[in-house]
Amino acid sequence: MAVKRVVRRPRPELPGAAPLVRTAGRHSFPSSHAASSAAAVVAFGAVLPRARFAAAVPPLAAAVCVSRLVAGVHYPTDVVCGALLGGAMARLGRAWALAGV
């Protein structure tokens, strides 16, 4: 959310079409949904690498990312950068958490 407030990129406006979902704010960069999804992939992969459902997490995260484009509330770069940011933050959090172990 801090990056959104700094960048302040407006959401896409599709001529003749309204977005398929409502959003909490008017800024789109980076996609918070993509960031959260990518962070979940990293977190579940670190915590439960051998769990049966762990293989389902990356495709679900990808579906969330694509859904933001289909819904018309993000540009592709919003989603890509959001996923990169979420993955990076999750990796930093994991490294920080494991540093004390």
N, C-alpha and C. Protein backbone atom coordinates (compact mmCIF):
# COMPACT_ATOMS: atom_id res chain seq x y z
N MET A 1 0.82 -1.19 0.00
CA MET A 1 0.00 0.00 0.00
C MET A 1 0.86 1.26 0.00
N ALA A 2 2.02 1.18 0.65
CA ALA A 2 2.91 2.35 0.68
C ALA A 2 3.37 2.70 -0.73
N VAL A 3 3.70 1.69 -1.52
CA VAL A 3 4.15 1.94 -2.89
C VAL A 3 3.03 2.56 -3.70
N LYS A 4 1.81 2.10 -3.51
CA LYS A 4 0.66 2.68 -4.22
C LYS A 4 0.52 4.17 -3.92
N ARG A 5 0.73 4.52 -2.67
CA ARG A 5 0.57 5.93 -2.28
C ARG A 5 1.68 6.81 -2.84
N VAL A 6 2.85 6.22 -3.07
CA VAL A 6 3.96 6.99 -3.65
C VAL A 6 3.80 7.11 -5.16
N VAL A 7 3.51 5.99 -5.83
CA VAL A 7 3.43 5.98 -7.29
C VAL A 7 2.14 6.66 -7.78
N ARG A 8 1.02 6.36 -7.15
CA ARG A 8 -0.28 6.98 -7.46
C ARG A 8 -0.71 6.78 -8.91
N ARG A 9 -0.47 5.62 -9.46
CA ARG A 9 -0.89 5.33 -10.83
C ARG A 9 -2.38 5.04 -10.84
N PRO A 10 -3.14 5.74 -11.68
CA PRO A 10 -4.59 5.48 -11.72
C PRO A 10 -4.90 4.12 -12.34
N ARG A 11 -6.03 3.58 -11.95
CA ARG A 11 -6.46 2.30 -12.51
C ARG A 11 -6.82 2.48 -13.99
N PRO A 12 -6.76 1.38 -14.75
CA PRO A 12 -7.12 1.49 -16.17
C PRO A 12 -8.58 1.90 -16.36
N GLU A 13 -8.81 2.64 -17.41
CA GLU A 13 -10.18 2.99 -17.80
C GLU A 13 -10.42 2.39 -19.17
N LEU A 14 -11.32 1.44 -19.22
CA LEU A 14 -11.62 0.78 -20.47
C LEU A 14 -12.75 1.52 -21.17
N PRO A 15 -12.53 1.99 -22.39
CA PRO A 15 -13.59 2.72 -23.09
C PRO A 15 -14.83 1.83 -23.31
N GLY A 16 -15.95 2.30 -22.84
CA GLY A 16 -17.20 1.59 -23.04
C GLY A 16 -17.40 0.38 -22.14
N ALA A 17 -16.51 0.19 -21.16
CA ALA A 17 -16.65 -0.98 -20.28
C ALA A 17 -16.25 -0.58 -18.85
N ALA A 18 -17.03 -1.05 -17.92
CA ALA A 18 -16.72 -0.83 -16.51
C ALA A 18 -15.93 -2.02 -15.99
N PRO A 19 -15.09 -1.82 -14.95
CA PRO A 19 -14.40 -2.97 -14.35
C PRO A 19 -15.41 -4.00 -13.84
N LEU A 20 -15.01 -5.25 -13.82
CA LEU A 20 -15.90 -6.33 -13.40
C LEU A 20 -16.03 -6.42 -11.88
N VAL A 21 -15.11 -5.78 -11.15
CA VAL A 21 -15.16 -5.80 -9.69
C VAL A 21 -14.94 -4.39 -9.17
N ARG A 22 -15.40 -4.16 -7.95
CA ARG A 22 -15.14 -2.87 -7.31
C ARG A 22 -13.81 -2.97 -6.57
N THR A 23 -13.16 -1.84 -6.41
CA THR A 23 -11.87 -1.82 -5.72
C THR A 23 -11.93 -0.88 -4.52
N ALA A 24 -11.04 -1.11 -3.60
CA ALA A 24 -11.01 -0.29 -2.38
C ALA A 24 -10.40 1.09 -2.63
N GLY A 25 -9.53 1.19 -3.62
CA GLY A 25 -8.87 2.46 -3.89
C GLY A 25 -8.79 2.74 -5.37
N ARG A 26 -8.23 3.88 -5.69
CA ARG A 26 -8.16 4.26 -7.10
C ARG A 26 -6.77 4.10 -7.71
N HIS A 27 -5.81 3.66 -6.91
CA HIS A 27 -4.45 3.47 -7.41
C HIS A 27 -4.19 2.00 -7.72
N SER A 28 -3.44 1.76 -8.80
CA SER A 28 -3.31 0.38 -9.26
C SER A 28 -1.92 -0.22 -9.13
N PHE A 29 -0.88 0.59 -8.99
CA PHE A 29 0.48 0.05 -9.01
C PHE A 29 1.09 0.04 -7.62
N PRO A 30 1.58 -1.11 -7.19
CA PRO A 30 1.50 -2.45 -7.75
C PRO A 30 0.23 -3.15 -7.30
N SER A 31 -0.06 -4.27 -7.90
CA SER A 31 -1.26 -5.03 -7.52
C SER A 31 -1.05 -5.70 -6.17
N SER A 32 -1.88 -5.35 -5.21
CA SER A 32 -1.80 -5.95 -3.87
C SER A 32 -2.21 -7.42 -3.92
N HIS A 33 -3.18 -7.76 -4.78
CA HIS A 33 -3.59 -9.15 -4.90
C HIS A 33 -2.42 -10.00 -5.42
N ALA A 34 -1.71 -9.50 -6.42
CA ALA A 34 -0.57 -10.23 -6.96
C ALA A 34 0.54 -10.36 -5.92
N ALA A 35 0.78 -9.29 -5.17
CA ALA A 35 1.81 -9.33 -4.13
C ALA A 35 1.46 -10.35 -3.06
N SER A 36 0.24 -10.35 -2.61
CA SER A 36 -0.19 -11.31 -1.58
C SER A 36 -0.13 -12.74 -2.09
N SER A 37 -0.52 -12.95 -3.34
CA SER A 37 -0.51 -14.29 -3.91
C SER A 37 0.91 -14.83 -4.04
N ALA A 38 1.82 -14.00 -4.52
CA ALA A 38 3.21 -14.43 -4.66
C ALA A 38 3.83 -14.68 -3.28
N ALA A 39 3.50 -13.84 -2.33
CA ALA A 39 4.01 -14.05 -0.97
C ALA A 39 3.49 -15.37 -0.39
N ALA A 40 2.25 -15.71 -0.70
CA ALA A 40 1.69 -16.98 -0.22
C ALA A 40 2.42 -18.17 -0.82
N VAL A 41 2.77 -18.06 -2.09
CA VAL A 41 3.52 -19.15 -2.74
C VAL A 41 4.85 -19.36 -2.02
N VAL A 42 5.56 -18.28 -1.76
CA VAL A 42 6.86 -18.38 -1.08
C VAL A 42 6.68 -18.92 0.34
N ALA A 43 5.69 -18.40 1.05
CA ALA A 43 5.48 -18.82 2.44
C ALA A 43 5.08 -20.29 2.53
N PHE A 44 4.10 -20.71 1.73
CA PHE A 44 3.70 -22.11 1.77
C PHE A 44 4.81 -23.04 1.32
N GLY A 45 5.59 -22.60 0.34
CA GLY A 45 6.71 -23.41 -0.12
C GLY A 45 7.76 -23.58 0.95
N ALA A 46 7.95 -22.57 1.78
CA ALA A 46 8.95 -22.64 2.85
C ALA A 46 8.45 -23.45 4.05
N VAL A 47 7.19 -23.27 4.38
CA VAL A 47 6.64 -23.90 5.59
C VAL A 47 6.21 -25.34 5.34
N LEU A 48 5.58 -25.57 4.22
CA LEU A 48 5.02 -26.91 3.93
C LEU A 48 5.47 -27.40 2.55
N PRO A 49 6.78 -27.57 2.34
CA PRO A 49 7.26 -27.91 0.99
C PRO A 49 6.78 -29.27 0.49
N ARG A 50 6.47 -30.18 1.38
CA ARG A 50 6.08 -31.52 0.95
C ARG A 50 4.58 -31.80 1.08
N ALA A 51 3.84 -30.82 1.50
CA ALA A 51 2.40 -31.01 1.67
C ALA A 51 1.74 -31.25 0.31
N ARG A 52 0.71 -32.08 0.30
CA ARG A 52 0.02 -32.42 -0.94
C ARG A 52 -0.58 -31.20 -1.63
N PHE A 53 -1.13 -30.30 -0.85
CA PHE A 53 -1.78 -29.13 -1.45
C PHE A 53 -0.79 -28.06 -1.88
N ALA A 54 0.49 -28.18 -1.52
CA ALA A 54 1.48 -27.16 -1.85
C ALA A 54 1.61 -26.99 -3.37
N ALA A 55 1.41 -28.05 -4.12
CA ALA A 55 1.50 -27.95 -5.58
C ALA A 55 0.36 -27.13 -6.17
N ALA A 56 -0.73 -26.99 -5.45
CA ALA A 56 -1.87 -26.22 -5.94
C ALA A 56 -1.71 -24.73 -5.73
N VAL A 57 -0.81 -24.33 -4.85
CA VAL A 57 -0.70 -22.91 -4.51
C VAL A 57 -0.20 -22.06 -5.68
N PRO A 58 0.87 -22.42 -6.39
CA PRO A 58 1.30 -21.56 -7.51
C PRO A 58 0.25 -21.37 -8.60
N PRO A 59 -0.46 -22.42 -9.04
CA PRO A 59 -1.50 -22.16 -10.04
C PRO A 59 -2.63 -21.27 -9.52
N LEU A 60 -2.98 -21.41 -8.25
CA LEU A 60 -4.01 -20.54 -7.68
C LEU A 60 -3.53 -19.09 -7.64
N ALA A 61 -2.28 -18.89 -7.28
CA ALA A 61 -1.72 -17.54 -7.25
C ALA A 61 -1.69 -16.95 -8.66
N ALA A 62 -1.32 -17.75 -9.63
CA ALA A 62 -1.33 -17.26 -11.02
C ALA A 62 -2.74 -16.89 -11.46
N ALA A 63 -3.72 -17.67 -11.04
CA ALA A 63 -5.11 -17.37 -11.39
C ALA A 63 -5.55 -16.04 -10.78
N VAL A 64 -5.14 -15.78 -9.55
CA VAL A 64 -5.47 -14.51 -8.91
C VAL A 64 -4.85 -13.36 -9.70
N CYS A 65 -3.61 -13.54 -10.10
CA CYS A 65 -2.92 -12.48 -10.87
C CYS A 65 -3.63 -12.22 -12.20
N VAL A 66 -3.97 -13.26 -12.91
CA VAL A 66 -4.66 -13.11 -14.19
C VAL A 66 -6.05 -12.49 -13.99
N SER A 67 -6.70 -12.85 -12.90
CA SER A 67 -8.05 -12.33 -12.66
C SER A 67 -8.05 -10.81 -12.54
N ARG A 68 -6.99 -10.23 -12.04
CA ARG A 68 -6.93 -8.77 -11.90
C ARG A 68 -6.88 -8.09 -13.26
N LEU A 69 -6.26 -8.76 -14.23
CA LEU A 69 -6.24 -8.23 -15.60
C LEU A 69 -7.60 -8.41 -16.27
N VAL A 70 -8.17 -9.58 -16.12
CA VAL A 70 -9.48 -9.87 -16.71
C VAL A 70 -10.55 -8.94 -16.13
N ALA A 71 -10.46 -8.66 -14.85
CA ALA A 71 -11.44 -7.78 -14.20
C ALA A 71 -11.30 -6.33 -14.65
N GLY A 72 -10.17 -6.02 -15.27
CA GLY A 72 -9.97 -4.66 -15.78
C GLY A 72 -9.54 -3.65 -14.73
N VAL A 73 -8.95 -4.11 -13.63
CA VAL A 73 -8.57 -3.19 -12.57
C VAL A 73 -7.05 -2.98 -12.46
N HIS A 74 -6.28 -3.66 -13.31
CA HIS A 74 -4.83 -3.50 -13.30
C HIS A 74 -4.25 -3.58 -14.70
N TYR A 75 -3.14 -2.90 -14.88
CA TYR A 75 -2.32 -3.05 -16.07
C TYR A 75 -1.41 -4.27 -15.85
N PRO A 76 -0.92 -4.89 -16.92
CA PRO A 76 -0.02 -6.03 -16.76
C PRO A 76 1.21 -5.72 -15.88
N THR A 77 1.77 -4.54 -16.02
CA THR A 77 2.94 -4.20 -15.20
C THR A 77 2.59 -4.08 -13.72
N ASP A 78 1.37 -3.72 -13.41
CA ASP A 78 0.93 -3.69 -12.00
C ASP A 78 1.02 -5.08 -11.40
N VAL A 79 0.55 -6.06 -12.17
CA VAL A 79 0.50 -7.43 -11.69
C VAL A 79 1.91 -8.02 -11.59
N VAL A 80 2.71 -7.83 -12.63
CA VAL A 80 4.08 -8.38 -12.63
C VAL A 80 4.89 -7.78 -11.48
N CYS A 81 4.86 -6.47 -11.35
CA CYS A 81 5.62 -5.83 -10.27
C CYS A 81 5.08 -6.20 -8.89
N GLY A 82 3.76 -6.33 -8.78
CA GLY A 82 3.18 -6.75 -7.51
C GLY A 82 3.64 -8.14 -7.12
N ALA A 83 3.67 -9.06 -8.09
CA ALA A 83 4.12 -10.43 -7.80
C ALA A 83 5.60 -10.44 -7.42
N LEU A 84 6.41 -9.67 -8.12
CA LEU A 84 7.84 -9.60 -7.78
C LEU A 84 8.04 -9.01 -6.39
N LEU A 85 7.31 -7.96 -6.09
CA LEU A 85 7.42 -7.33 -4.78
C LEU A 85 6.97 -8.27 -3.66
N GLY A 86 5.86 -8.96 -3.86
CA GLY A 86 5.35 -9.89 -2.85
C GLY A 86 6.31 -11.04 -2.62
N GLY A 87 6.84 -11.60 -3.70
CA GLY A 87 7.80 -12.69 -3.58
C GLY A 87 9.07 -12.26 -2.87
N ALA A 88 9.55 -11.09 -3.22
CA ALA A 88 10.78 -10.58 -2.59
C ALA A 88 10.57 -10.30 -1.10
N MET A 89 9.44 -9.71 -0.76
CA MET A 89 9.16 -9.42 0.65
C MET A 89 9.01 -10.70 1.46
N ALA A 90 8.38 -11.71 0.87
CA ALA A 90 8.24 -12.99 1.57
C ALA A 90 9.59 -13.65 1.78
N ARG A 91 10.46 -13.54 0.79
CA ARG A 91 11.81 -14.12 0.94
C ARG A 91 12.59 -13.38 2.03
N LEU A 92 12.48 -12.06 2.06
CA LEU A 92 13.14 -11.30 3.12
C LEU A 92 12.59 -11.67 4.49
N GLY A 93 11.28 -11.81 4.58
CA GLY A 93 10.66 -12.20 5.85
C GLY A 93 11.10 -13.58 6.29
N ARG A 94 11.20 -14.48 5.33
CA ARG A 94 11.65 -15.84 5.64
C ARG A 94 13.09 -15.81 6.15
N ALA A 95 13.95 -15.06 5.46
CA ALA A 95 15.36 -14.98 5.88
C ALA A 95 15.47 -14.36 7.26
N TRP A 96 14.66 -13.34 7.54
CA TRP A 96 14.67 -12.70 8.86
C TRP A 96 14.21 -13.67 9.94
N ALA A 97 13.13 -14.41 9.62
CA ALA A 97 12.58 -15.34 10.62
C ALA A 97 13.56 -16.48 10.92
N LEU A 98 14.25 -16.95 9.88
CA LEU A 98 15.18 -18.06 10.06
C LEU A 98 16.54 -17.62 10.63
N ALA A 99 16.81 -16.34 10.62
CA ALA A 99 18.09 -15.84 11.13
C ALA A 99 18.22 -16.09 12.62
N GLY A 100 17.10 -16.08 13.33
CA GLY A 100 17.14 -16.29 14.78
C GLY A 100 17.12 -17.75 15.18
N VAL A 101 16.98 -18.65 14.21
CA VAL A 101 16.87 -20.09 14.51
C VAL A 101 18.25 -20.69 14.66
